[in-house]
Amino acid sequence: MSRYHPALVALHWILALLIIGGLIMGGNVLANTPNTDPFKLTALTAHMSVGITILALMLIRLVVRLSTRKPPHADIGNALANRTGVWTHWAFYLLVIAMCASGLATASIAGLPAIVFGGSGDPLPANFDDIASRAAHGVLATLLSILIALHVAAGLYHQYIRKDRLFARMWFGNRKGDDNA
């Protein structure tokens, strides 16, 4: 088998777009919009909706990942690099799920579900600085951004330096030798 299951491929690319969008929205738009700005509520609605979607899709992706056949792990001839590649992929699951959990915790502590989705009419808190899970959300965002940059760099290394066509594994096409394609 040379490719991942089509559901994993689709979820990979959908999640990549949603996660990068969520990171940009959180780090650039929400972080720079005062809580008194009426646009903040619209931005929070979008950010929280995307975050909940990411969590649901990531959990689905984990189930599909654990229940489908996969191509063998990439082998570049270095045991440490090979193990790092495997650990990195599991780190994505951990960081994304932890990021979503810290976002949900922050929202719950700040009473955001009622404000953002329930139309309670209550104002947003003055800030979120005193909420520990918000600090964790920021740290996780930084770690996830670094991991994404390394993941992209590794993919480009495989595609253009090693020329091993590793990128094709996470794209649509014939899954050679897979009876469950």
N, C-alpha and C. Protein backbone atom coordinates (compact mmCIF):
# COMPACT_ATOMS: atom_id res chain seq x y z
N MET A 1 0.85 -1.17 0.00
CA MET A 1 0.00 0.00 0.00
C MET A 1 0.90 1.24 0.00
N SER A 2 0.55 2.21 -0.85
CA SER A 2 1.41 3.38 -0.97
C SER A 2 0.76 4.67 -0.50
N ARG A 3 -0.53 4.63 -0.18
CA ARG A 3 -1.23 5.86 0.21
C ARG A 3 -2.08 5.62 1.45
N TYR A 4 -2.39 6.74 2.11
CA TYR A 4 -3.31 6.69 3.24
C TYR A 4 -4.74 6.57 2.73
N HIS A 5 -5.63 6.12 3.59
CA HIS A 5 -7.05 6.00 3.29
C HIS A 5 -7.58 7.36 2.82
N PRO A 6 -8.45 7.36 1.81
CA PRO A 6 -8.97 8.64 1.29
C PRO A 6 -9.63 9.52 2.37
N ALA A 7 -10.27 8.89 3.36
CA ALA A 7 -10.87 9.68 4.44
C ALA A 7 -9.78 10.41 5.23
N LEU A 8 -8.65 9.73 5.47
CA LEU A 8 -7.54 10.39 6.17
C LEU A 8 -6.96 11.52 5.34
N VAL A 9 -6.87 11.29 4.05
CA VAL A 9 -6.34 12.33 3.16
C VAL A 9 -7.25 13.56 3.21
N ALA A 10 -8.55 13.34 3.04
CA ALA A 10 -9.50 14.46 3.06
C ALA A 10 -9.46 15.18 4.41
N LEU A 11 -9.47 14.41 5.49
CA LEU A 11 -9.43 15.03 6.82
C LEU A 11 -8.12 15.78 7.05
N HIS A 12 -7.01 15.25 6.56
CA HIS A 12 -5.72 15.92 6.70
C HIS A 12 -5.78 17.32 6.11
N TRP A 13 -6.23 17.43 4.87
CA TRP A 13 -6.22 18.72 4.18
C TRP A 13 -7.29 19.66 4.71
N ILE A 14 -8.46 19.13 5.04
CA ILE A 14 -9.50 19.98 5.62
C ILE A 14 -9.03 20.52 6.97
N LEU A 15 -8.48 19.63 7.80
CA LEU A 15 -7.98 20.07 9.11
C LEU A 15 -6.81 21.04 8.98
N ALA A 16 -5.94 20.81 8.01
CA ALA A 16 -4.82 21.74 7.81
C ALA A 16 -5.34 23.15 7.57
N LEU A 17 -6.32 23.27 6.69
CA LEU A 17 -6.89 24.60 6.39
C LEU A 17 -7.59 25.20 7.61
N LEU A 18 -8.40 24.38 8.29
CA LEU A 18 -9.12 24.88 9.46
C LEU A 18 -8.17 25.28 10.59
N ILE A 19 -7.16 24.47 10.84
CA ILE A 19 -6.22 24.76 11.93
C ILE A 19 -5.42 26.01 11.63
N ILE A 20 -4.90 26.12 10.43
CA ILE A 20 -4.14 27.32 10.07
C ILE A 20 -5.05 28.55 10.14
N GLY A 21 -6.28 28.42 9.64
CA GLY A 21 -7.24 29.52 9.74
C GLY A 21 -7.53 29.88 11.18
N GLY A 22 -7.72 28.88 12.03
CA GLY A 22 -7.98 29.14 13.44
C GLY A 22 -6.81 29.81 14.14
N LEU A 23 -5.59 29.38 13.81
CA LEU A 23 -4.40 30.01 14.39
C LEU A 23 -4.27 31.46 13.95
N ILE A 24 -4.53 31.72 12.68
CA ILE A 24 -4.47 33.10 12.17
C ILE A 24 -5.55 33.95 12.83
N MET A 25 -6.76 33.41 12.88
CA MET A 25 -7.87 34.15 13.50
C MET A 25 -7.58 34.45 14.96
N GLY A 26 -7.11 33.45 15.70
CA GLY A 26 -6.84 33.65 17.12
C GLY A 26 -5.66 34.57 17.38
N GLY A 27 -4.57 34.34 16.65
CA GLY A 27 -3.34 35.10 16.92
C GLY A 27 -3.31 36.49 16.33
N ASN A 28 -4.02 36.69 15.23
CA ASN A 28 -3.96 37.99 14.58
C ASN A 28 -5.21 38.82 14.74
N VAL A 29 -6.38 38.19 14.65
CA VAL A 29 -7.62 38.96 14.72
C VAL A 29 -8.10 39.09 16.16
N LEU A 30 -8.33 37.96 16.83
CA LEU A 30 -8.86 38.01 18.19
C LEU A 30 -7.89 38.69 19.16
N ALA A 31 -6.62 38.37 19.04
CA ALA A 31 -5.63 38.93 19.97
C ALA A 31 -5.52 40.45 19.83
N ASN A 32 -5.84 40.97 18.65
CA ASN A 32 -5.69 42.41 18.40
C ASN A 32 -7.01 43.17 18.42
N THR A 33 -8.09 42.50 18.77
CA THR A 33 -9.40 43.15 18.83
C THR A 33 -9.81 43.28 20.29
N PRO A 34 -10.03 44.50 20.75
CA PRO A 34 -10.44 44.66 22.16
C PRO A 34 -11.79 43.98 22.40
N ASN A 35 -11.99 43.52 23.63
CA ASN A 35 -13.25 42.85 23.97
C ASN A 35 -14.44 43.79 23.93
N THR A 36 -14.19 45.09 23.91
CA THR A 36 -15.27 46.07 23.82
C THR A 36 -15.72 46.32 22.38
N ASP A 37 -14.94 45.88 21.41
CA ASP A 37 -15.27 46.06 19.99
C ASP A 37 -16.39 45.08 19.62
N PRO A 38 -17.50 45.55 19.05
CA PRO A 38 -18.60 44.64 18.68
C PRO A 38 -18.17 43.53 17.71
N PHE A 39 -17.15 43.77 16.89
CA PHE A 39 -16.66 42.75 15.96
C PHE A 39 -16.08 41.55 16.70
N LYS A 40 -15.62 41.75 17.93
CA LYS A 40 -15.02 40.67 18.70
C LYS A 40 -15.99 39.50 18.85
N LEU A 41 -17.26 39.80 19.05
CA LEU A 41 -18.27 38.74 19.21
C LEU A 41 -18.41 37.93 17.92
N THR A 42 -18.41 38.60 16.77
CA THR A 42 -18.48 37.91 15.49
C THR A 42 -17.24 37.04 15.29
N ALA A 43 -16.08 37.60 15.60
CA ALA A 43 -14.83 36.86 15.45
C ALA A 43 -14.79 35.66 16.39
N LEU A 44 -15.24 35.84 17.62
CA LEU A 44 -15.28 34.73 18.58
C LEU A 44 -16.25 33.64 18.13
N THR A 45 -17.37 34.03 17.57
CA THR A 45 -18.33 33.05 17.06
C THR A 45 -17.68 32.19 15.99
N ALA A 46 -17.00 32.83 15.05
CA ALA A 46 -16.33 32.09 13.99
C ALA A 46 -15.21 31.22 14.56
N HIS A 47 -14.38 31.78 15.44
CA HIS A 47 -13.24 31.06 16.00
C HIS A 47 -13.70 29.84 16.81
N MET A 48 -14.72 30.04 17.64
CA MET A 48 -15.22 28.94 18.46
C MET A 48 -15.88 27.87 17.60
N SER A 49 -16.62 28.29 16.58
CA SER A 49 -17.26 27.32 15.69
C SER A 49 -16.22 26.50 14.95
N VAL A 50 -15.18 27.15 14.47
CA VAL A 50 -14.09 26.44 13.79
C VAL A 50 -13.39 25.51 14.78
N GLY A 51 -13.16 25.97 15.99
CA GLY A 51 -12.49 25.15 17.00
C GLY A 51 -13.28 23.89 17.33
N ILE A 52 -14.58 24.02 17.47
CA ILE A 52 -15.43 22.86 17.75
C ILE A 52 -15.41 21.90 16.56
N THR A 53 -15.43 22.45 15.36
CA THR A 53 -15.36 21.63 14.14
C THR A 53 -14.03 20.89 14.08
N ILE A 54 -12.95 21.60 14.40
CA ILE A 54 -11.62 20.98 14.41
C ILE A 54 -11.59 19.81 15.39
N LEU A 55 -12.11 20.01 16.58
CA LEU A 55 -12.11 18.94 17.57
C LEU A 55 -12.89 17.73 17.06
N ALA A 56 -14.07 17.95 16.52
CA ALA A 56 -14.88 16.83 16.02
C ALA A 56 -14.16 16.10 14.89
N LEU A 57 -13.61 16.85 13.94
CA LEU A 57 -12.92 16.22 12.81
C LEU A 57 -11.63 15.54 13.26
N MET A 58 -10.96 16.10 14.23
CA MET A 58 -9.71 15.48 14.71
C MET A 58 -10.00 14.15 15.41
N LEU A 59 -11.09 14.10 16.16
CA LEU A 59 -11.46 12.84 16.82
C LEU A 59 -11.89 11.80 15.78
N ILE A 60 -12.62 12.25 14.76
CA ILE A 60 -12.98 11.34 13.66
C ILE A 60 -11.71 10.85 12.96
N ARG A 61 -10.78 11.79 12.72
CA ARG A 61 -9.53 11.42 12.05
C ARG A 61 -8.75 10.39 12.88
N LEU A 62 -8.74 10.55 14.19
CA LEU A 62 -8.04 9.60 15.05
C LEU A 62 -8.67 8.21 14.94
N VAL A 63 -9.99 8.15 14.94
CA VAL A 63 -10.68 6.85 14.80
C VAL A 63 -10.35 6.23 13.45
N VAL A 64 -10.42 7.02 12.38
CA VAL A 64 -10.10 6.49 11.05
C VAL A 64 -8.64 6.05 11.00
N ARG A 65 -7.76 6.83 11.60
CA ARG A 65 -6.32 6.51 11.61
C ARG A 65 -6.07 5.17 12.29
N LEU A 66 -6.76 4.94 13.40
CA LEU A 66 -6.56 3.72 14.16
C LEU A 66 -7.26 2.51 13.54
N SER A 67 -8.22 2.74 12.66
CA SER A 67 -9.02 1.63 12.14
C SER A 67 -8.78 1.32 10.65
N THR A 68 -7.85 2.00 10.02
CA THR A 68 -7.58 1.72 8.61
C THR A 68 -6.11 1.34 8.43
N ARG A 69 -5.88 0.64 7.33
CA ARG A 69 -4.50 0.27 6.99
C ARG A 69 -3.76 1.50 6.51
N LYS A 70 -2.46 1.54 6.79
CA LYS A 70 -1.63 2.67 6.43
C LYS A 70 -0.38 2.18 5.72
N PRO A 71 0.21 3.05 4.90
CA PRO A 71 1.49 2.67 4.33
C PRO A 71 2.53 2.58 5.44
N PRO A 72 3.62 1.87 5.22
CA PRO A 72 4.65 1.81 6.26
C PRO A 72 5.21 3.20 6.54
N HIS A 73 5.73 3.36 7.75
CA HIS A 73 6.35 4.63 8.11
C HIS A 73 7.50 4.92 7.16
N ALA A 74 7.71 6.18 6.90
CA ALA A 74 8.81 6.59 6.03
C ALA A 74 10.14 6.19 6.67
N ASP A 75 11.03 5.70 5.86
CA ASP A 75 12.36 5.30 6.33
C ASP A 75 13.40 6.08 5.53
N ILE A 76 14.10 6.99 6.22
CA ILE A 76 15.12 7.76 5.52
C ILE A 76 16.53 7.30 5.90
N GLY A 77 16.60 6.15 6.54
CA GLY A 77 17.91 5.59 6.86
C GLY A 77 18.51 6.08 8.15
N ASN A 78 17.73 6.78 8.96
CA ASN A 78 18.21 7.28 10.23
C ASN A 78 17.15 6.96 11.28
N ALA A 79 17.49 6.10 12.23
CA ALA A 79 16.51 5.61 13.20
C ALA A 79 15.90 6.76 14.01
N LEU A 80 16.71 7.73 14.44
CA LEU A 80 16.18 8.85 15.22
C LEU A 80 15.22 9.70 14.38
N ALA A 81 15.61 9.99 13.16
CA ALA A 81 14.72 10.77 12.28
C ALA A 81 13.43 10.02 12.00
N ASN A 82 13.53 8.72 11.80
CA ASN A 82 12.33 7.91 11.55
C ASN A 82 11.39 7.95 12.76
N ARG A 83 11.94 7.78 13.97
CA ARG A 83 11.12 7.83 15.19
C ARG A 83 10.53 9.22 15.39
N THR A 84 11.33 10.25 15.10
CA THR A 84 10.85 11.62 15.25
C THR A 84 9.66 11.87 14.34
N GLY A 85 9.70 11.34 13.13
CA GLY A 85 8.56 11.48 12.22
C GLY A 85 7.30 10.85 12.79
N VAL A 86 7.43 9.68 13.37
CA VAL A 86 6.27 9.00 13.96
C VAL A 86 5.77 9.81 15.16
N TRP A 87 6.67 10.21 16.05
CA TRP A 87 6.27 10.98 17.24
C TRP A 87 5.62 12.31 16.86
N THR A 88 6.13 12.92 15.81
CA THR A 88 5.59 14.21 15.37
C THR A 88 4.13 14.08 14.97
N HIS A 89 3.80 13.01 14.27
CA HIS A 89 2.41 12.84 13.85
C HIS A 89 1.49 12.64 15.06
N TRP A 90 1.95 11.90 16.07
CA TRP A 90 1.13 11.74 17.27
C TRP A 90 1.09 13.05 18.07
N ALA A 91 2.15 13.84 18.00
CA ALA A 91 2.16 15.15 18.67
C ALA A 91 1.09 16.07 18.09
N PHE A 92 0.84 15.95 16.78
CA PHE A 92 -0.23 16.74 16.17
C PHE A 92 -1.58 16.43 16.83
N TYR A 93 -1.87 15.15 16.97
CA TYR A 93 -3.13 14.78 17.61
C TYR A 93 -3.20 15.36 19.03
N LEU A 94 -2.14 15.16 19.78
CA LEU A 94 -2.10 15.64 21.16
C LEU A 94 -2.27 17.16 21.24
N LEU A 95 -1.47 17.89 20.45
CA LEU A 95 -1.53 19.35 20.51
C LEU A 95 -2.87 19.90 20.04
N VAL A 96 -3.40 19.37 18.96
CA VAL A 96 -4.67 19.88 18.44
C VAL A 96 -5.80 19.61 19.43
N ILE A 97 -5.85 18.41 19.97
CA ILE A 97 -6.90 18.08 20.93
C ILE A 97 -6.73 18.90 22.21
N ALA A 98 -5.49 19.07 22.68
CA ALA A 98 -5.24 19.90 23.86
C ALA A 98 -5.59 21.36 23.59
N MET A 99 -5.31 21.82 22.39
CA MET A 99 -5.64 23.20 22.02
C MET A 99 -7.16 23.39 22.07
N CYS A 100 -7.89 22.45 21.50
CA CYS A 100 -9.35 22.53 21.53
C CYS A 100 -9.88 22.47 22.96
N ALA A 101 -9.31 21.58 23.76
CA ALA A 101 -9.75 21.46 25.16
C ALA A 101 -9.48 22.74 25.94
N SER A 102 -8.32 23.36 25.72
CA SER A 102 -8.02 24.61 26.43
C SER A 102 -8.94 25.74 25.95
N GLY A 103 -9.31 25.72 24.68
CA GLY A 103 -10.27 26.70 24.17
C GLY A 103 -11.64 26.50 24.78
N LEU A 104 -12.07 25.25 24.86
CA LEU A 104 -13.36 24.96 25.48
C LEU A 104 -13.37 25.34 26.96
N ALA A 105 -12.26 25.06 27.65
CA ALA A 105 -12.17 25.42 29.06
C ALA A 105 -12.22 26.93 29.24
N THR A 106 -11.50 27.65 28.41
CA THR A 106 -11.50 29.11 28.47
C THR A 106 -12.91 29.65 28.23
N ALA A 107 -13.55 29.12 27.20
CA ALA A 107 -14.91 29.57 26.87
C ALA A 107 -15.86 29.30 28.03
N SER A 108 -15.75 28.14 28.63
CA SER A 108 -16.63 27.78 29.74
C SER A 108 -16.40 28.69 30.95
N ILE A 109 -15.14 28.88 31.31
CA ILE A 109 -14.81 29.71 32.47
C ILE A 109 -15.27 31.15 32.26
N ALA A 110 -15.12 31.65 31.02
CA ALA A 110 -15.49 33.04 30.72
C ALA A 110 -16.99 33.21 30.42
N GLY A 111 -17.74 32.10 30.41
CA GLY A 111 -19.17 32.19 30.13
C GLY A 111 -19.47 32.48 28.67
N LEU A 112 -18.54 32.15 27.79
CA LEU A 112 -18.70 32.50 26.37
C LEU A 112 -19.82 31.75 25.65
N PRO A 113 -20.10 30.48 25.95
CA PRO A 113 -21.18 29.82 25.20
C PRO A 113 -22.50 30.60 25.27
N ALA A 114 -22.87 31.09 26.43
CA ALA A 114 -24.12 31.84 26.56
C ALA A 114 -24.03 33.19 25.84
N ILE A 115 -22.87 33.82 25.91
CA ILE A 115 -22.70 35.13 25.26
C ILE A 115 -22.62 34.98 23.75
N VAL A 116 -21.81 34.04 23.29
CA VAL A 116 -21.54 33.91 21.86
C VAL A 116 -22.66 33.18 21.13
N PHE A 117 -23.13 32.07 21.68
CA PHE A 117 -24.12 31.25 20.98
C PHE A 117 -25.53 31.38 21.56
N GLY A 118 -25.63 31.79 22.82
CA GLY A 118 -26.93 31.82 23.48
C GLY A 118 -27.63 33.16 23.41
N GLY A 119 -26.93 34.18 22.94
CA GLY A 119 -27.55 35.49 22.83
C GLY A 119 -27.97 36.07 24.16
N SER A 120 -27.16 35.81 25.20
CA SER A 120 -27.53 36.27 26.54
C SER A 120 -27.53 37.79 26.65
N GLY A 121 -26.84 38.46 25.75
CA GLY A 121 -26.77 39.92 25.82
C GLY A 121 -25.73 40.43 26.80
N ASP A 122 -25.12 39.50 27.55
CA ASP A 122 -24.07 39.92 28.48
C ASP A 122 -22.85 40.37 27.68
N PRO A 123 -22.12 41.32 28.23
CA PRO A 123 -20.89 41.75 27.55
C PRO A 123 -19.78 40.71 27.74
N LEU A 124 -18.82 40.78 26.86
CA LEU A 124 -17.64 39.92 27.03
C LEU A 124 -16.89 40.37 28.28
N PRO A 125 -16.15 39.46 28.92
CA PRO A 125 -15.30 39.89 30.03
C PRO A 125 -14.33 40.98 29.55
N ALA A 126 -13.83 41.78 30.46
CA ALA A 126 -12.89 42.84 30.08
C ALA A 126 -11.70 42.28 29.33
N ASN A 127 -11.22 41.13 29.80
CA ASN A 127 -10.14 40.42 29.11
C ASN A 127 -10.14 38.97 29.60
N PHE A 128 -9.28 38.18 29.03
CA PHE A 128 -9.19 36.77 29.39
C PHE A 128 -7.87 36.45 30.09
N ASP A 129 -7.16 37.50 30.51
CA ASP A 129 -5.80 37.35 31.04
C ASP A 129 -5.72 36.53 32.32
N ASP A 130 -6.76 36.53 33.13
CA ASP A 130 -6.70 35.82 34.41
C ASP A 130 -7.18 34.37 34.31
N ILE A 131 -7.42 33.89 33.11
CA ILE A 131 -7.89 32.52 32.90
C ILE A 131 -6.70 31.65 32.49
N ALA A 132 -6.33 30.71 33.35
CA ALA A 132 -5.14 29.88 33.11
C ALA A 132 -5.23 29.10 31.80
N SER A 133 -6.40 28.60 31.48
CA SER A 133 -6.53 27.83 30.24
C SER A 133 -6.31 28.71 29.01
N ARG A 134 -6.55 30.02 29.15
CA ARG A 134 -6.28 30.95 28.03
C ARG A 134 -4.78 31.06 27.80
N ALA A 135 -4.01 31.09 28.88
CA ALA A 135 -2.54 31.11 28.75
C ALA A 135 -2.07 29.82 28.10
N ALA A 136 -2.63 28.71 28.52
CA ALA A 136 -2.27 27.41 27.93
C ALA A 136 -2.64 27.39 26.45
N HIS A 137 -3.78 27.96 26.10
CA HIS A 137 -4.22 28.03 24.70
C HIS A 137 -3.18 28.77 23.86
N GLY A 138 -2.64 29.85 24.41
CA GLY A 138 -1.61 30.62 23.70
C GLY A 138 -0.32 29.84 23.52
N VAL A 139 0.11 29.16 24.58
CA VAL A 139 1.34 28.35 24.51
C VAL A 139 1.14 27.21 23.51
N LEU A 140 0.01 26.55 23.57
CA LEU A 140 -0.28 25.45 22.63
C LEU A 140 -0.33 25.96 21.19
N ALA A 141 -0.86 27.16 20.99
CA ALA A 141 -0.90 27.75 19.64
C ALA A 141 0.51 27.95 19.11
N THR A 142 1.40 28.41 19.97
CA THR A 142 2.79 28.61 19.56
C THR A 142 3.44 27.27 19.22
N LEU A 143 3.27 26.28 20.09
CA LEU A 143 3.85 24.96 19.84
C LEU A 143 3.28 24.33 18.56
N LEU A 144 1.98 24.48 18.36
CA LEU A 144 1.35 23.93 17.17
C LEU A 144 1.86 24.64 15.91
N SER A 145 2.03 25.94 15.99
CA SER A 145 2.57 26.69 14.84
C SER A 145 3.98 26.23 14.49
N ILE A 146 4.79 26.00 15.50
CA ILE A 146 6.16 25.50 15.27
C ILE A 146 6.10 24.11 14.65
N LEU A 147 5.25 23.25 15.18
CA LEU A 147 5.13 21.89 14.65
C LEU A 147 4.65 21.90 13.19
N ILE A 148 3.71 22.78 12.89
CA ILE A 148 3.23 22.90 11.50
C ILE A 148 4.38 23.34 10.59
N ALA A 149 5.15 24.33 11.02
CA ALA A 149 6.28 24.81 10.20
C ALA A 149 7.28 23.69 9.97
N LEU A 150 7.58 22.92 11.00
CA LEU A 150 8.51 21.79 10.85
C LEU A 150 7.92 20.71 9.94
N HIS A 151 6.63 20.46 10.06
CA HIS A 151 5.94 19.46 9.23
C HIS A 151 6.00 19.87 7.75
N VAL A 152 5.72 21.13 7.49
CA VAL A 152 5.78 21.62 6.11
C VAL A 152 7.22 21.54 5.59
N ALA A 153 8.18 21.94 6.42
CA ALA A 153 9.59 21.87 6.00
C ALA A 153 10.00 20.43 5.71
N ALA A 154 9.57 19.49 6.56
CA ALA A 154 9.89 18.08 6.33
C ALA A 154 9.25 17.58 5.04
N GLY A 155 8.01 17.98 4.80
CA GLY A 155 7.34 17.58 3.56
C GLY A 155 8.06 18.12 2.33
N LEU A 156 8.49 19.38 2.39
CA LEU A 156 9.23 19.97 1.28
C LEU A 156 10.58 19.29 1.10
N TYR A 157 11.23 18.95 2.22
CA TYR A 157 12.51 18.23 2.16
C TYR A 157 12.33 16.89 1.43
N HIS A 158 11.29 16.16 1.83
CA HIS A 158 11.03 14.86 1.19
C HIS A 158 10.71 15.04 -0.30
N GLN A 159 9.90 16.03 -0.61
CA GLN A 159 9.45 16.20 -1.99
C GLN A 159 10.54 16.72 -2.91
N TYR A 160 11.32 17.70 -2.44
CA TYR A 160 12.24 18.38 -3.36
C TYR A 160 13.73 18.07 -3.15
N ILE A 161 14.11 17.60 -1.98
CA ILE A 161 15.52 17.26 -1.72
C ILE A 161 15.71 15.75 -1.90
N ARG A 162 14.94 14.98 -1.13
CA ARG A 162 15.04 13.52 -1.24
C ARG A 162 14.35 12.98 -2.49
N LYS A 163 13.36 13.70 -2.96
CA LYS A 163 12.58 13.29 -4.15
C LYS A 163 12.04 11.86 -4.00
N ASP A 164 11.53 11.56 -2.80
CA ASP A 164 11.03 10.21 -2.52
C ASP A 164 9.50 10.10 -2.68
N ARG A 165 8.88 11.15 -3.18
CA ARG A 165 7.44 11.15 -3.45
C ARG A 165 6.60 10.85 -2.20
N LEU A 166 7.12 11.19 -1.04
CA LEU A 166 6.39 10.96 0.20
C LEU A 166 5.09 11.75 0.22
N PHE A 167 5.09 12.89 -0.39
CA PHE A 167 3.88 13.73 -0.44
C PHE A 167 2.70 12.97 -1.05
N ALA A 168 2.95 12.12 -2.01
CA ALA A 168 1.88 11.39 -2.70
C ALA A 168 1.10 10.49 -1.73
N ARG A 169 1.72 10.09 -0.63
CA ARG A 169 1.03 9.24 0.34
C ARG A 169 -0.18 9.94 0.94
N MET A 170 -0.11 11.27 1.05
CA MET A 170 -1.18 12.05 1.66
C MET A 170 -1.95 12.81 0.59
N TRP A 171 -2.16 12.13 -0.55
CA TRP A 171 -2.97 12.68 -1.63
C TRP A 171 -3.86 11.57 -2.16
N PHE A 172 -4.82 11.94 -2.94
CA PHE A 172 -5.79 10.98 -3.45
C PHE A 172 -5.19 10.18 -4.61
N GLY A 173 -5.58 8.94 -4.71
CA GLY A 173 -5.11 8.09 -5.80
C GLY A 173 -5.26 6.63 -5.43
N ASN A 174 -4.75 5.77 -6.30
CA ASN A 174 -4.84 4.33 -6.12
C ASN A 174 -4.04 3.91 -4.89
N ARG A 175 -4.64 3.14 -4.03
CA ARG A 175 -3.96 2.59 -2.85
C ARG A 175 -3.49 1.19 -3.19
N LYS A 176 -2.41 1.07 -3.88
CA LYS A 176 -1.88 -0.21 -4.37
C LYS A 176 -1.86 -1.27 -3.28
N GLY A 177 -2.45 -2.42 -3.62
CA GLY A 177 -2.38 -3.55 -2.71
C GLY A 177 -3.33 -3.47 -1.53
N ASP A 178 -4.24 -2.51 -1.51
CA ASP A 178 -5.13 -2.38 -0.37
C ASP A 178 -6.50 -2.92 -0.74
N ASP A 179 -6.92 -3.95 -0.08
CA ASP A 179 -8.23 -4.55 -0.35
C ASP A 179 -9.37 -3.70 0.22
N ASN A 180 -9.04 -2.82 1.18
CA ASN A 180 -10.07 -2.02 1.86
C ASN A 180 -10.10 -0.59 1.35
N ALA A 181 -9.58 -0.34 0.16
CA ALA A 181 -9.55 1.03 -0.35
C ALA A 181 -10.95 1.54 -0.57
